[in-house]
Every structure is written in structure tokens, then in C-alpha cells.
N, C-alpha and C. Protein backbone atom coordinates (compact mmCIF):
# COMPACT_ATOMS: atom_id res chain seq x y z
N MET A 1 4.35 5.08 17.10
CA MET A 1 3.35 4.75 16.11
C MET A 1 2.73 6.04 15.61
N THR A 2 2.70 6.19 14.30
CA THR A 2 2.10 7.36 13.68
C THR A 2 1.26 6.92 12.49
N ILE A 3 0.08 7.50 12.41
CA ILE A 3 -0.77 7.26 11.24
C ILE A 3 -0.39 8.30 10.19
N PRO A 4 0.04 7.87 9.01
CA PRO A 4 0.40 8.83 7.97
C PRO A 4 -0.82 9.54 7.41
N SER A 5 -0.59 10.57 6.64
CA SER A 5 -1.68 11.32 6.03
C SER A 5 -2.13 10.63 4.75
N PRO A 6 -3.32 10.98 4.26
CA PRO A 6 -3.80 10.36 3.01
C PRO A 6 -2.82 10.54 1.84
N SER A 7 -2.10 11.65 1.83
CA SER A 7 -1.18 11.90 0.72
C SER A 7 0.03 10.95 0.73
N ASP A 8 0.20 10.19 1.82
CA ASP A 8 1.28 9.21 1.89
C ASP A 8 0.89 7.86 1.29
N THR A 9 -0.31 7.77 0.78
CA THR A 9 -0.77 6.53 0.15
C THR A 9 0.11 6.17 -1.03
N VAL A 10 0.48 4.91 -1.11
CA VAL A 10 1.29 4.41 -2.23
C VAL A 10 0.36 3.70 -3.20
N TRP A 11 0.34 4.19 -4.43
CA TRP A 11 -0.50 3.60 -5.48
C TRP A 11 0.36 2.71 -6.37
N ASN A 12 -0.18 1.57 -6.75
CA ASN A 12 0.49 0.66 -7.68
C ASN A 12 -0.52 0.13 -8.69
N VAL A 13 -0.01 -0.19 -9.85
CA VAL A 13 -0.84 -0.86 -10.86
C VAL A 13 -0.35 -2.30 -10.93
N VAL A 14 -1.27 -3.25 -10.73
CA VAL A 14 -0.89 -4.65 -10.72
C VAL A 14 -1.16 -5.35 -12.05
N ALA A 15 -2.03 -4.77 -12.88
CA ALA A 15 -2.30 -5.37 -14.18
C ALA A 15 -3.04 -4.37 -15.06
N LEU A 16 -2.86 -4.55 -16.35
CA LEU A 16 -3.59 -3.77 -17.36
C LEU A 16 -4.33 -4.74 -18.26
N ASP A 17 -5.61 -4.49 -18.50
CA ASP A 17 -6.34 -5.23 -19.53
C ASP A 17 -6.21 -4.42 -20.81
N TYR A 18 -5.92 -5.10 -21.93
CA TYR A 18 -5.72 -4.39 -23.19
C TYR A 18 -6.21 -5.20 -24.37
N ASP A 19 -6.48 -4.48 -25.44
CA ASP A 19 -6.98 -5.10 -26.67
C ASP A 19 -5.83 -5.70 -27.47
N LEU A 20 -6.13 -6.81 -28.12
CA LEU A 20 -5.19 -7.44 -29.04
C LEU A 20 -5.67 -7.22 -30.45
N PRO A 21 -4.82 -7.21 -31.44
CA PRO A 21 -3.38 -7.41 -31.34
C PRO A 21 -2.69 -6.14 -30.85
N LEU A 22 -1.46 -6.30 -30.40
CA LEU A 22 -0.67 -5.13 -30.01
C LEU A 22 -0.32 -4.33 -31.25
N GLY A 23 -0.15 -3.06 -31.08
CA GLY A 23 0.20 -2.21 -32.21
C GLY A 23 0.53 -0.81 -31.73
N THR A 24 0.70 0.09 -32.66
CA THR A 24 1.09 1.45 -32.31
C THR A 24 -0.03 2.46 -32.50
N THR A 25 -1.20 1.98 -32.93
CA THR A 25 -2.35 2.88 -33.06
C THR A 25 -3.58 2.21 -32.46
N PRO A 26 -4.48 3.01 -31.85
CA PRO A 26 -5.67 2.40 -31.27
C PRO A 26 -6.54 1.77 -32.36
N PRO A 27 -7.23 0.69 -32.08
CA PRO A 27 -7.39 0.04 -30.79
C PRO A 27 -6.35 -1.04 -30.51
N ASN A 28 -5.32 -1.16 -31.31
CA ASN A 28 -4.30 -2.20 -31.12
C ASN A 28 -3.48 -1.92 -29.86
N GLY A 29 -3.65 -2.76 -28.85
CA GLY A 29 -2.92 -2.58 -27.61
C GLY A 29 -3.53 -1.55 -26.68
N GLN A 30 -4.72 -1.11 -26.99
CA GLN A 30 -5.40 -0.08 -26.18
C GLN A 30 -5.74 -0.63 -24.81
N VAL A 31 -5.34 0.08 -23.74
CA VAL A 31 -5.65 -0.33 -22.38
C VAL A 31 -7.12 -0.02 -22.11
N THR A 32 -7.85 -1.02 -21.63
CA THR A 32 -9.28 -0.86 -21.38
C THR A 32 -9.62 -0.83 -19.89
N CYS A 33 -8.74 -1.41 -19.06
CA CYS A 33 -9.02 -1.48 -17.63
C CYS A 33 -7.70 -1.53 -16.86
N ILE A 34 -7.66 -0.83 -15.73
CA ILE A 34 -6.47 -0.83 -14.88
C ILE A 34 -6.84 -1.45 -13.54
N HIS A 35 -6.04 -2.42 -13.10
CA HIS A 35 -6.18 -3.05 -11.79
C HIS A 35 -5.16 -2.37 -10.88
N TRP A 36 -5.63 -1.75 -9.80
CA TRP A 36 -4.74 -0.95 -8.95
C TRP A 36 -4.83 -1.38 -7.49
N THR A 37 -3.79 -1.03 -6.73
CA THR A 37 -3.81 -1.15 -5.28
C THR A 37 -3.38 0.19 -4.70
N ALA A 38 -3.90 0.48 -3.52
CA ALA A 38 -3.49 1.66 -2.76
C ALA A 38 -3.17 1.16 -1.36
N THR A 39 -2.02 1.58 -0.82
CA THR A 39 -1.55 1.06 0.46
C THR A 39 -1.07 2.20 1.34
N LEU A 40 -1.41 2.10 2.62
CA LEU A 40 -0.95 3.07 3.61
C LEU A 40 -0.35 2.27 4.77
N THR A 41 0.88 2.63 5.14
CA THR A 41 1.63 1.87 6.14
C THR A 41 1.90 2.73 7.37
N GLU A 42 1.65 2.16 8.53
CA GLU A 42 1.90 2.82 9.81
C GLU A 42 3.40 3.15 9.93
N VAL A 43 3.73 4.30 10.49
CA VAL A 43 5.11 4.67 10.74
C VAL A 43 5.46 4.20 12.15
N VAL A 44 6.45 3.31 12.25
CA VAL A 44 6.81 2.72 13.54
C VAL A 44 8.33 2.78 13.74
N ALA A 45 8.74 2.50 14.97
CA ALA A 45 10.17 2.46 15.29
C ALA A 45 10.84 1.30 14.57
N SER A 46 12.12 1.41 14.37
CA SER A 46 12.90 0.36 13.73
C SER A 46 12.73 -0.96 14.49
N GLY A 47 12.54 -2.03 13.76
CA GLY A 47 12.39 -3.34 14.36
C GLY A 47 10.96 -3.71 14.70
N VAL A 48 10.03 -2.77 14.58
CA VAL A 48 8.62 -3.03 14.86
C VAL A 48 7.90 -3.27 13.54
N THR A 49 7.08 -4.30 13.47
CA THR A 49 6.34 -4.58 12.25
C THR A 49 5.15 -3.63 12.15
N PRO A 50 5.09 -2.85 11.07
CA PRO A 50 3.98 -1.89 10.94
C PRO A 50 2.69 -2.56 10.50
N LYS A 51 1.59 -1.94 10.84
CA LYS A 51 0.29 -2.36 10.34
C LYS A 51 0.09 -1.70 8.98
N VAL A 52 -0.66 -2.38 8.11
CA VAL A 52 -0.83 -1.91 6.73
C VAL A 52 -2.31 -1.95 6.36
N ALA A 53 -2.80 -0.88 5.78
CA ALA A 53 -4.15 -0.81 5.23
C ALA A 53 -4.02 -0.80 3.71
N SER A 54 -4.90 -1.54 3.05
CA SER A 54 -4.80 -1.55 1.59
C SER A 54 -6.17 -1.66 0.95
N SER A 55 -6.21 -1.28 -0.30
CA SER A 55 -7.43 -1.34 -1.09
C SER A 55 -7.05 -1.80 -2.49
N TYR A 56 -7.94 -2.57 -3.12
CA TYR A 56 -7.74 -3.05 -4.48
C TYR A 56 -8.97 -2.67 -5.28
N GLY A 57 -8.74 -2.30 -6.52
CA GLY A 57 -9.88 -1.99 -7.36
C GLY A 57 -9.51 -2.02 -8.84
N THR A 58 -10.51 -1.82 -9.66
CA THR A 58 -10.30 -1.70 -11.10
C THR A 58 -11.02 -0.45 -11.57
N VAL A 59 -10.53 0.09 -12.65
CA VAL A 59 -11.18 1.24 -13.26
C VAL A 59 -11.07 1.10 -14.77
N GLY A 60 -12.20 1.28 -15.44
CA GLY A 60 -12.22 1.19 -16.90
C GLY A 60 -11.78 2.50 -17.53
N LEU A 61 -11.20 2.38 -18.70
CA LEU A 61 -10.76 3.55 -19.44
C LEU A 61 -11.57 3.68 -20.72
N GLY A 62 -11.82 4.90 -21.11
CA GLY A 62 -12.48 5.16 -22.38
C GLY A 62 -11.48 5.06 -23.52
N ALA A 63 -11.95 5.34 -24.70
CA ALA A 63 -11.07 5.31 -25.88
C ALA A 63 -10.02 6.41 -25.76
N PRO A 64 -8.78 6.08 -26.08
CA PRO A 64 -7.71 7.08 -25.98
C PRO A 64 -7.79 8.10 -27.12
N ASP A 65 -7.21 9.23 -26.89
CA ASP A 65 -7.09 10.26 -27.93
C ASP A 65 -6.00 9.78 -28.90
N PRO A 66 -6.34 9.56 -30.17
CA PRO A 66 -5.34 9.06 -31.13
C PRO A 66 -4.12 9.96 -31.25
N ARG A 67 -4.29 11.25 -30.95
CA ARG A 67 -3.16 12.19 -31.08
C ARG A 67 -2.15 12.03 -29.94
N SER A 68 -2.59 11.46 -28.80
CA SER A 68 -1.67 11.29 -27.67
C SER A 68 -1.61 9.83 -27.23
N TYR A 69 -1.85 8.93 -28.16
CA TYR A 69 -1.88 7.50 -27.87
C TYR A 69 -0.49 7.00 -27.47
N THR A 70 -0.44 6.19 -26.42
CA THR A 70 0.80 5.57 -25.98
C THR A 70 0.72 4.08 -26.29
N PRO A 71 1.58 3.57 -27.17
CA PRO A 71 1.57 2.14 -27.46
C PRO A 71 1.81 1.33 -26.19
N TYR A 72 1.17 0.17 -26.11
CA TYR A 72 1.23 -0.67 -24.92
C TYR A 72 2.67 -0.90 -24.45
N ALA A 73 3.56 -1.20 -25.37
CA ALA A 73 4.94 -1.55 -25.02
C ALA A 73 5.70 -0.39 -24.37
N THR A 74 5.20 0.83 -24.50
CA THR A 74 5.94 1.98 -23.95
C THR A 74 5.26 2.61 -22.73
N ILE A 75 4.17 1.99 -22.26
CA ILE A 75 3.48 2.52 -21.08
C ILE A 75 4.37 2.30 -19.86
N THR A 76 4.50 3.33 -19.02
CA THR A 76 5.29 3.21 -17.79
C THR A 76 4.38 2.99 -16.60
N ASP A 77 4.97 2.52 -15.52
CA ASP A 77 4.23 2.34 -14.28
C ASP A 77 3.64 3.67 -13.82
N ALA A 78 4.46 4.71 -13.81
CA ALA A 78 4.00 6.03 -13.36
C ALA A 78 2.84 6.53 -14.23
N GLN A 79 2.93 6.30 -15.53
CA GLN A 79 1.88 6.73 -16.44
C GLN A 79 0.58 5.97 -16.17
N SER A 80 0.68 4.68 -15.91
CA SER A 80 -0.53 3.89 -15.66
C SER A 80 -1.18 4.29 -14.34
N ILE A 81 -0.38 4.67 -13.33
CA ILE A 81 -0.93 5.16 -12.07
C ILE A 81 -1.66 6.48 -12.31
N GLN A 82 -1.07 7.36 -13.10
CA GLN A 82 -1.73 8.64 -13.43
C GLN A 82 -3.06 8.38 -14.14
N TRP A 83 -3.07 7.45 -15.07
CA TRP A 83 -4.30 7.13 -15.79
C TRP A 83 -5.37 6.60 -14.84
N ALA A 84 -4.97 5.70 -13.93
CA ALA A 84 -5.92 5.13 -12.98
C ALA A 84 -6.52 6.22 -12.10
N GLN A 85 -5.67 7.08 -11.56
CA GLN A 85 -6.15 8.15 -10.68
C GLN A 85 -7.03 9.14 -11.44
N ALA A 86 -6.68 9.44 -12.67
CA ALA A 86 -7.49 10.36 -13.47
C ALA A 86 -8.85 9.73 -13.78
N ALA A 87 -8.85 8.42 -14.09
CA ALA A 87 -10.11 7.74 -14.39
C ALA A 87 -11.00 7.64 -13.15
N LEU A 88 -10.39 7.47 -11.98
CA LEU A 88 -11.16 7.44 -10.73
C LEU A 88 -11.76 8.81 -10.43
N GLY A 89 -11.01 9.85 -10.74
CA GLY A 89 -11.43 11.20 -10.42
C GLY A 89 -10.93 11.60 -9.04
N GLU A 90 -10.76 12.88 -8.82
CA GLU A 90 -10.19 13.38 -7.57
C GLU A 90 -11.05 13.01 -6.36
N GLU A 91 -12.37 13.07 -6.50
CA GLU A 91 -13.24 12.76 -5.37
C GLU A 91 -13.10 11.30 -4.93
N GLN A 92 -13.10 10.38 -5.88
CA GLN A 92 -12.96 8.96 -5.56
C GLN A 92 -11.56 8.66 -5.02
N LYS A 93 -10.54 9.26 -5.60
CA LYS A 93 -9.16 9.07 -5.13
C LYS A 93 -9.05 9.52 -3.67
N THR A 94 -9.59 10.69 -3.37
CA THR A 94 -9.56 11.22 -2.01
C THR A 94 -10.33 10.30 -1.05
N SER A 95 -11.46 9.78 -1.50
CA SER A 95 -12.25 8.87 -0.68
C SER A 95 -11.48 7.60 -0.36
N ILE A 96 -10.78 7.05 -1.34
CA ILE A 96 -9.99 5.83 -1.14
C ILE A 96 -8.88 6.11 -0.13
N GLU A 97 -8.16 7.20 -0.32
CA GLU A 97 -7.05 7.53 0.58
C GLU A 97 -7.54 7.82 2.00
N SER A 98 -8.65 8.52 2.15
CA SER A 98 -9.22 8.78 3.48
C SER A 98 -9.69 7.48 4.12
N GLY A 99 -10.25 6.60 3.32
CA GLY A 99 -10.68 5.30 3.82
C GLY A 99 -9.52 4.48 4.35
N LEU A 100 -8.36 4.60 3.70
CA LEU A 100 -7.18 3.89 4.18
C LEU A 100 -6.70 4.43 5.52
N VAL A 101 -6.80 5.75 5.71
CA VAL A 101 -6.44 6.34 7.00
C VAL A 101 -7.36 5.78 8.08
N TYR A 102 -8.66 5.73 7.81
CA TYR A 102 -9.62 5.18 8.76
C TYR A 102 -9.32 3.70 9.05
N GLN A 103 -9.08 2.92 8.00
CA GLN A 103 -8.79 1.50 8.14
C GLN A 103 -7.54 1.29 9.00
N LEU A 104 -6.48 2.06 8.73
CA LEU A 104 -5.24 1.94 9.48
C LEU A 104 -5.43 2.37 10.94
N THR A 105 -6.19 3.43 11.14
CA THR A 105 -6.48 3.88 12.50
C THR A 105 -7.19 2.80 13.29
N GLN A 106 -8.13 2.10 12.65
CA GLN A 106 -8.86 1.01 13.31
C GLN A 106 -7.94 -0.18 13.61
N LEU A 107 -6.96 -0.40 12.77
CA LEU A 107 -6.00 -1.49 13.03
C LEU A 107 -5.10 -1.15 14.22
N VAL A 108 -4.71 0.12 14.31
CA VAL A 108 -3.78 0.56 15.36
C VAL A 108 -4.50 0.76 16.69
N THR A 109 -5.64 1.43 16.64
CA THR A 109 -6.42 1.71 17.86
C THR A 109 -7.89 1.40 17.59
N PRO A 110 -8.24 0.12 17.63
CA PRO A 110 -9.60 -0.28 17.28
C PRO A 110 -10.65 0.31 18.23
N THR A 111 -11.80 0.64 17.67
CA THR A 111 -12.91 1.16 18.46
C THR A 111 -14.10 0.20 18.45
N HIS A 112 -13.98 -0.91 17.74
CA HIS A 112 -15.03 -1.93 17.74
C HIS A 112 -14.41 -3.28 17.39
N ALA A 113 -15.13 -4.34 17.71
CA ALA A 113 -14.64 -5.69 17.43
C ALA A 113 -15.82 -6.58 17.09
N THR A 114 -15.54 -7.78 16.64
CA THR A 114 -16.56 -8.76 16.30
C THR A 114 -16.24 -10.07 17.00
N GLY A 115 -17.23 -10.72 17.53
CA GLY A 115 -17.00 -12.00 18.18
C GLY A 115 -18.22 -12.45 18.93
N THR A 116 -18.05 -13.50 19.73
CA THR A 116 -19.11 -14.00 20.59
C THR A 116 -18.51 -14.25 21.97
N PRO A 117 -19.24 -13.95 23.03
CA PRO A 117 -18.68 -14.11 24.37
C PRO A 117 -18.42 -15.56 24.76
N TRP A 118 -19.09 -16.49 24.15
CA TRP A 118 -18.91 -17.88 24.52
C TRP A 118 -17.73 -18.54 23.80
N SER A 119 -17.08 -17.84 22.87
CA SER A 119 -15.97 -18.46 22.15
C SER A 119 -14.65 -17.74 22.38
N THR A 120 -14.54 -17.03 23.50
CA THR A 120 -13.29 -16.31 23.76
C THR A 120 -12.17 -17.24 24.18
N THR A 121 -12.51 -18.39 24.77
CA THR A 121 -11.49 -19.38 25.12
C THR A 121 -11.97 -20.73 24.64
N MET A 122 -11.02 -21.59 24.41
CA MET A 122 -11.35 -22.96 23.99
C MET A 122 -10.94 -23.92 25.08
N GLU A 123 -11.78 -24.94 25.36
CA GLU A 123 -11.43 -25.93 26.36
C GLU A 123 -10.24 -26.76 25.90
N VAL A 124 -10.17 -27.03 24.59
CA VAL A 124 -9.05 -27.78 24.04
C VAL A 124 -8.36 -26.89 23.01
N PRO A 125 -7.09 -26.56 23.22
CA PRO A 125 -6.40 -25.73 22.23
C PRO A 125 -6.38 -26.43 20.87
N PRO A 126 -6.46 -25.66 19.77
CA PRO A 126 -6.52 -26.25 18.43
C PRO A 126 -5.41 -27.24 18.15
N GLU A 127 -4.21 -26.99 18.67
CA GLU A 127 -3.09 -27.89 18.38
C GLU A 127 -3.24 -29.25 19.08
N ASP A 128 -4.15 -29.33 20.10
CA ASP A 128 -4.37 -30.57 20.82
C ASP A 128 -5.54 -31.40 20.28
N ILE A 129 -6.27 -30.86 19.31
CA ILE A 129 -7.42 -31.57 18.76
C ILE A 129 -6.94 -32.67 17.83
N THR A 130 -7.51 -33.87 18.00
CA THR A 130 -7.15 -35.00 17.13
C THR A 130 -8.39 -35.41 16.36
N THR A 131 -8.22 -36.30 15.41
CA THR A 131 -9.37 -36.77 14.63
C THR A 131 -10.36 -37.51 15.49
N THR A 132 -9.96 -38.09 16.62
CA THR A 132 -10.92 -38.76 17.52
C THR A 132 -11.78 -37.74 18.23
N ASP A 133 -11.30 -36.50 18.42
CA ASP A 133 -12.11 -35.45 19.05
C ASP A 133 -13.22 -34.97 18.11
N ILE A 134 -13.02 -35.07 16.83
CA ILE A 134 -13.97 -34.57 15.85
C ILE A 134 -15.14 -35.53 15.69
N GLY A 135 -14.92 -36.78 15.89
CA GLY A 135 -16.03 -37.75 15.85
C GLY A 135 -16.06 -38.42 14.57
């Protein structure tokens, strides 16, 4: 089991919000918001299911530069990831990636838990409960 570094975070764009109608000049088809995910996966031996830390967020975009405008139909996945990371800024991007390392570390080697001492065991296993037990 190995916790990867923040730079191993995998970024994806799951959706783009954009203005209608579509077109080749702003504001037609202009992307206004990017919905992103960032994921960090534990490195494990073959056959072992890894633990995964993830984060979801959105980031709004300002008006594009008309001289470097990319029509909606030609936007690539890689380009949209670059836009999302640029809009977040380096500090926020680093914070998200570091947070994923912390989250994954807690999944692999937890240092705290939540619960109540009186509910650690059940007198009747859930699969044995019937509607007559509920009342």
C-alpha cells in the first residue's frame, strides 16, 4: 500500500455550462462554468481493491478573450481541465490535491472514527429483522 503524491491526482471535467445559442464567437457557446472531479487512488498489489479519495467542485469562468476564443464544439477534455485548474488558481489546486492525500491517508490508516459505544453490535442482525420486529 502506497499513498501517491499530490501530483498523481487525476483531474476530470464532468460537465460544462455554456451559453446558447452555439456559435463560433462569444457569447455564443461560451463556457461559463466547469464541473470537475479530482481523484487520488491508493497504489496496491495486483488483485487488491484500492481505496480512492475524490473531490467534486465547480468553478466559474469569466468572459473569454475574443482573440483566443475556442468554439464549444472544438473544446477538448485536456483544454477544459486546463481552464478549470487555471480558474481555480495554483493555491486552490494545490489545496485540493493535498486534501486528497490527507483523505486517502485517513482511509488507509485512520486516526479517528465516529460512532457510539452502545451500537457496536446488534442483538438482531439486520438480515433477521422482520416487519413484526418493527411494530
